[in-house]
C-alpha atoms as a PDB file:
ATOM      1  CA  MET A   1       0.004   0.078   0.065  1.00  0.00           C
ATOM      2  CA  THR A   2       1.248   3.540  -0.722  1.00  0.00           C
ATOM      3  CA  SER A   3       0.503   6.186   1.695  1.00  0.00           C
ATOM      4  CA  THR A   4      -0.214   9.664   0.557  1.00  0.00           C
ATOM      5  CA  THR A   5       0.641  12.772   2.426  1.00  0.00           C
ATOM      6  CA  PRO A   6      -2.588  14.879   3.001  1.00  0.00           C
ATOM      7  CA  GLY A   7      -2.437  18.439   1.612  1.00  0.00           C
ATOM      8  CA  PRO A   8      -2.523  21.505   3.828  1.00  0.00           C
ATOM      9  CA  GLN A   9      -5.640  21.954   5.975  1.00  0.00           C
ATOM     10  CA  GLY A  10      -7.464  24.963   7.470  1.00  0.00           C
ATOM     11  CA  LEU A  11      -5.757  28.215   7.291  1.00  0.00           C
ATOM     12  CA  GLU A  12      -2.614  26.763   5.757  1.00  0.00           C
ATOM     13  CA  ALA A  13      -4.775  25.586   2.733  1.00  0.00           C
ATOM     14  CA  LEU A  14      -6.128  29.141   2.401  1.00  0.00           C
ATOM     15  CA  GLY A  15      -2.633  30.650   2.513  1.00  0.00           C
ATOM     16  CA  ALA A  16      -1.331  28.052  -0.092  1.00  0.00           C
ATOM     17  CA  THR A  17      -4.069  28.803  -2.525  1.00  0.00           C
ATOM     18  CA  ALA A  18      -3.803  32.553  -2.079  1.00  0.00           C
ATOM     19  CA  ALA A  19       0.060  32.409  -2.707  1.00  0.00           C
ATOM     20  CA  ALA A  20      -0.645  30.496  -5.892  1.00  0.00           C
ATOM     21  CA  ALA A  21      -3.245  32.672  -7.263  1.00  0.00           C
ATOM     22  CA  VAL A  22      -2.486  34.984 -10.011  1.00  0.00           C
ATOM     23  CA  THR A  23      -3.192  38.590  -9.265  1.00  0.00           C
ATOM     24  CA  GLN A  24      -5.498  40.505 -11.670  1.00  0.00           C
ATOM     25  CA  GLU A  25      -5.144  43.973 -12.789  1.00  0.00           C
ATOM     26  CA  ALA A  26      -7.518  46.337 -11.145  1.00  0.00           C
ATOM     27  CA  PRO A  27     -10.378  47.459 -13.605  1.00  0.00           C
ATOM     28  CA  ARG A  28      -9.699  50.841 -14.917  1.00  0.00           C
ATOM     29  CA  PRO A  29     -12.227  53.402 -13.771  1.00  0.00           C
ATOM     30  CA  GLN A  30     -14.789  54.237 -16.498  1.00  0.00           C
ATOM     31  CA  THR A  31     -15.857  57.575 -17.569  1.00  0.00           C
ATOM     32  CA  PRO A  32     -18.755  58.802 -15.543  1.00  0.00           C
ATOM     33  CA  ALA A  33     -22.023  57.804 -16.989  1.00  0.00           C
ATOM     34  CA  LYS A  34     -24.672  60.309 -17.897  1.00  0.00           C
ATOM     35  CA  PRO A  35     -27.399  60.865 -15.229  1.00  0.00           C
ATOM     36  CA  LEU A  36     -30.495  58.695 -15.686  1.00  0.00           C
ATOM     37  CA  GLU A  37     -33.458  60.407 -17.289  1.00  0.00           C
ATOM     38  CA  PRO A  38     -36.589  60.613 -15.102  1.00  0.00           C
ATOM     39  CA  ALA A  39     -39.175  57.925 -15.585  1.00  0.00           C
ATOM     40  CA  VAL A  40     -41.792  60.479 -16.414  1.00  0.00           C
ATOM     41  CA  LYS A  41     -41.372  63.948 -17.981  1.00  0.00           C
ATOM     42  CA  LEU A  42     -44.198  66.439 -18.151  1.00  0.00           C
ATOM     43  CA  ASP A  43     -43.643  70.017 -19.213  1.00  0.00           C
ATOM     44  CA  ILE A  44     -46.371  72.393 -18.193  1.00  0.00           C
ATOM     45  CA  GLY A  45     -44.528  75.545 -18.769  1.00  0.00           C
ATOM     46  CA  THR A  46     -45.285  75.681 -22.526  1.00  0.00           C
ATOM     47  CA  ASN A  47     -48.963  75.226 -22.572  1.00  0.00           C
ATOM     48  CA  GLY A  48     -49.776  77.605 -19.822  1.00  0.00           C
ATOM     49  CA  GLY A  49     -51.409  74.987 -17.631  1.00  0.00           C
ATOM     50  CA  LYS A  50     -51.815  75.014 -13.947  1.00  0.00           C
ATOM     51  CA  ALA A  51     -50.575  72.115 -11.877  1.00  0.00           C
ATOM     52  CA  ARG A  52     -52.539  70.682  -8.910  1.00  0.00           C
ATOM     53  CA  TYR A  53     -52.666  67.529  -6.774  1.00  0.00           C
ATOM     54  CA  ILE A  54     -56.136  65.909  -5.973  1.00  0.00           C
ATOM     55  CA  GLN A  55     -57.030  62.635  -4.066  1.00  0.00           C
ATOM     56  CA  ASP A  56     -59.096  60.187  -6.142  1.00  0.00           C
ATOM     57  CA  PRO A  57     -62.215  59.286  -4.255  1.00  0.00           C
ATOM     58  CA  ASP A  58     -62.384  55.726  -5.494  1.00  0.00           C
ATOM     59  CA  THR A  59     -58.716  54.719  -4.971  1.00  0.00           C
ATOM     60  CA  SER A  60     -57.600  57.245  -2.348  1.00  0.00           C
ATOM     61  CA  SER A  61     -54.498  57.687  -4.677  1.00  0.00           C
ATOM     62  CA  ILE A  62     -52.856  61.033  -5.071  1.00  0.00           C
ATOM     63  CA  VAL A  63     -53.241  62.322  -8.658  1.00  0.00           C
ATOM     64  CA  PHE A  64     -51.199  65.068 -10.363  1.00  0.00           C
ATOM     65  CA  GLN A  65     -53.219  66.990 -12.929  1.00  0.00           C
ATOM     66  CA  VAL A  66     -52.321  69.738 -15.369  1.00  0.00           C
ATOM     67  CA  VAL A  67     -55.461  72.078 -15.780  1.00  0.00           C
ATOM     68  CA  ASP A  68     -56.193  74.628 -18.472  1.00  0.00           C
ATOM     69  CA  PRO A  69     -56.612  77.735 -16.464  1.00  0.00           C
ATOM     70  CA  SER A  70     -59.248  79.343 -18.706  1.00  0.00           C
ATOM     71  CA  SER A  71     -61.564  76.385 -19.161  1.00  0.00           C
ATOM     72  CA  GLY A  72     -60.869  74.333 -16.128  1.00  0.00           C
ATOM     73  CA  ASN A  73     -60.405  71.123 -18.271  1.00  0.00           C
ATOM     74  CA  VAL A  74     -57.687  68.568 -17.267  1.00  0.00           C
ATOM     75  CA  ILE A  75     -54.935  68.596 -19.980  1.00  0.00           C
ATOM     76  CA  ASP A  76     -52.953  65.693 -18.558  1.00  0.00           C
ATOM     77  CA  GLN A  77     -52.902  63.723 -15.351  1.00  0.00           C
ATOM     78  CA  LEU A  78     -50.749  60.989 -13.740  1.00  0.00           C
ATOM     79  CA  PRO A  79     -51.752  58.267 -13.108  1.00  0.00           C
ATOM     80  CA  SER A  80     -54.029  58.166 -16.024  1.00  0.00           C
ATOM     81  CA  GLU A  81     -57.813  57.614 -15.838  1.00  0.00           C
ATOM     82  CA  THR A  82     -57.380  54.057 -17.106  1.00  0.00           C
ATOM     83  CA  ALA A  83     -54.909  53.307 -14.391  1.00  0.00           C
ATOM     84  CA  LEU A  84     -57.257  54.685 -11.711  1.00  0.00           C
ATOM     85  CA  ARG A  85     -60.271  52.684 -13.032  1.00  0.00           C
ATOM     86  CA  ASN A  86     -58.086  49.554 -13.026  1.00  0.00           C
ATOM     87  CA  ARG A  87     -57.075  50.132  -9.411  1.00  0.00           C
ATOM     88  CA  ALA A  88     -60.672  50.871  -8.381  1.00  0.00           C
ATOM     89  CA  TYR A  89     -61.839  47.539 -10.168  1.00  0.00           C
ATOM     90  CA  ASP A  90     -59.065  45.508  -8.532  1.00  0.00           C
ATOM     91  CA  SER A  91     -59.859  46.977  -5.037  1.00  0.00           C
ATOM     92  CA  ALA A  92     -63.703  46.347  -5.529  1.00  0.00           C
ATOM     93  CA  ARG A  93     -62.998  42.867  -6.902  1.00  0.00           C
ATOM     94  CA  SER A  94     -60.819  41.836  -3.882  1.00  0.00           C
ATOM     95  CA  THR A  95     -63.276  43.359  -1.471  1.00  0.00           C
ATOM     96  CA  LEU A  96     -66.054  41.346  -2.974  1.00  0.00           C
ATOM     97  CA  GLY A  97     -63.913  38.171  -3.120  1.00  0.00           C
ATOM     98  CA  SER A  98     -63.213  38.359   0.553  1.00  0.00           C
ATOM     99  CA  GLN A  99     -67.015  38.586   1.218  1.00  0.00           C
ATOM    100  CA  SER A 100     -68.202  36.009  -1.284  1.00  0.00           C
ATOM    101  CA  GLY A 101     -69.741  34.011   1.555  1.00  0.00           C
ATOM    102  CA  SER A 102     -72.225  36.808   2.243  1.00  0.00           C
ATOM    103  CA  LEU A 103     -73.432  37.482  -1.179  1.00  0.00           C
ATOM    104  CA  SER A 104     -76.784  36.300  -2.248  1.00  0.00           C
ATOM    105  CA  ARG A 105     -77.711  35.809  -5.937  1.00  0.00           C
ATOM    106  CA  VAL A 106     -81.141  36.638  -6.361  1.00  0.00           C
ATOM    107  CA  ALA A 107     -82.453  37.522  -9.809  1.00  0.00           C
END
């Protein structure tokens, strides 16, 4: 039978592998990246609109609106009407789903 000598154990093994490792050159610093653009841009200065915040009664969400000062019509808003309707629908559906045992279906 041949006996083999065990290799280094514990911290000695760590030192042995670290000594044998090839050092790599540090990455060169890159030129600074341009700052990220905002996710949403809304320029209200060119159309003469007035900005306001309201709370949607159906979803309790804060809504940013740009309003035409002369007519009072909403020019643009975030989140959109579609997004607010979807939130209200999802909220009502989850509320009804949790109360499904108490619903009566009478035609």
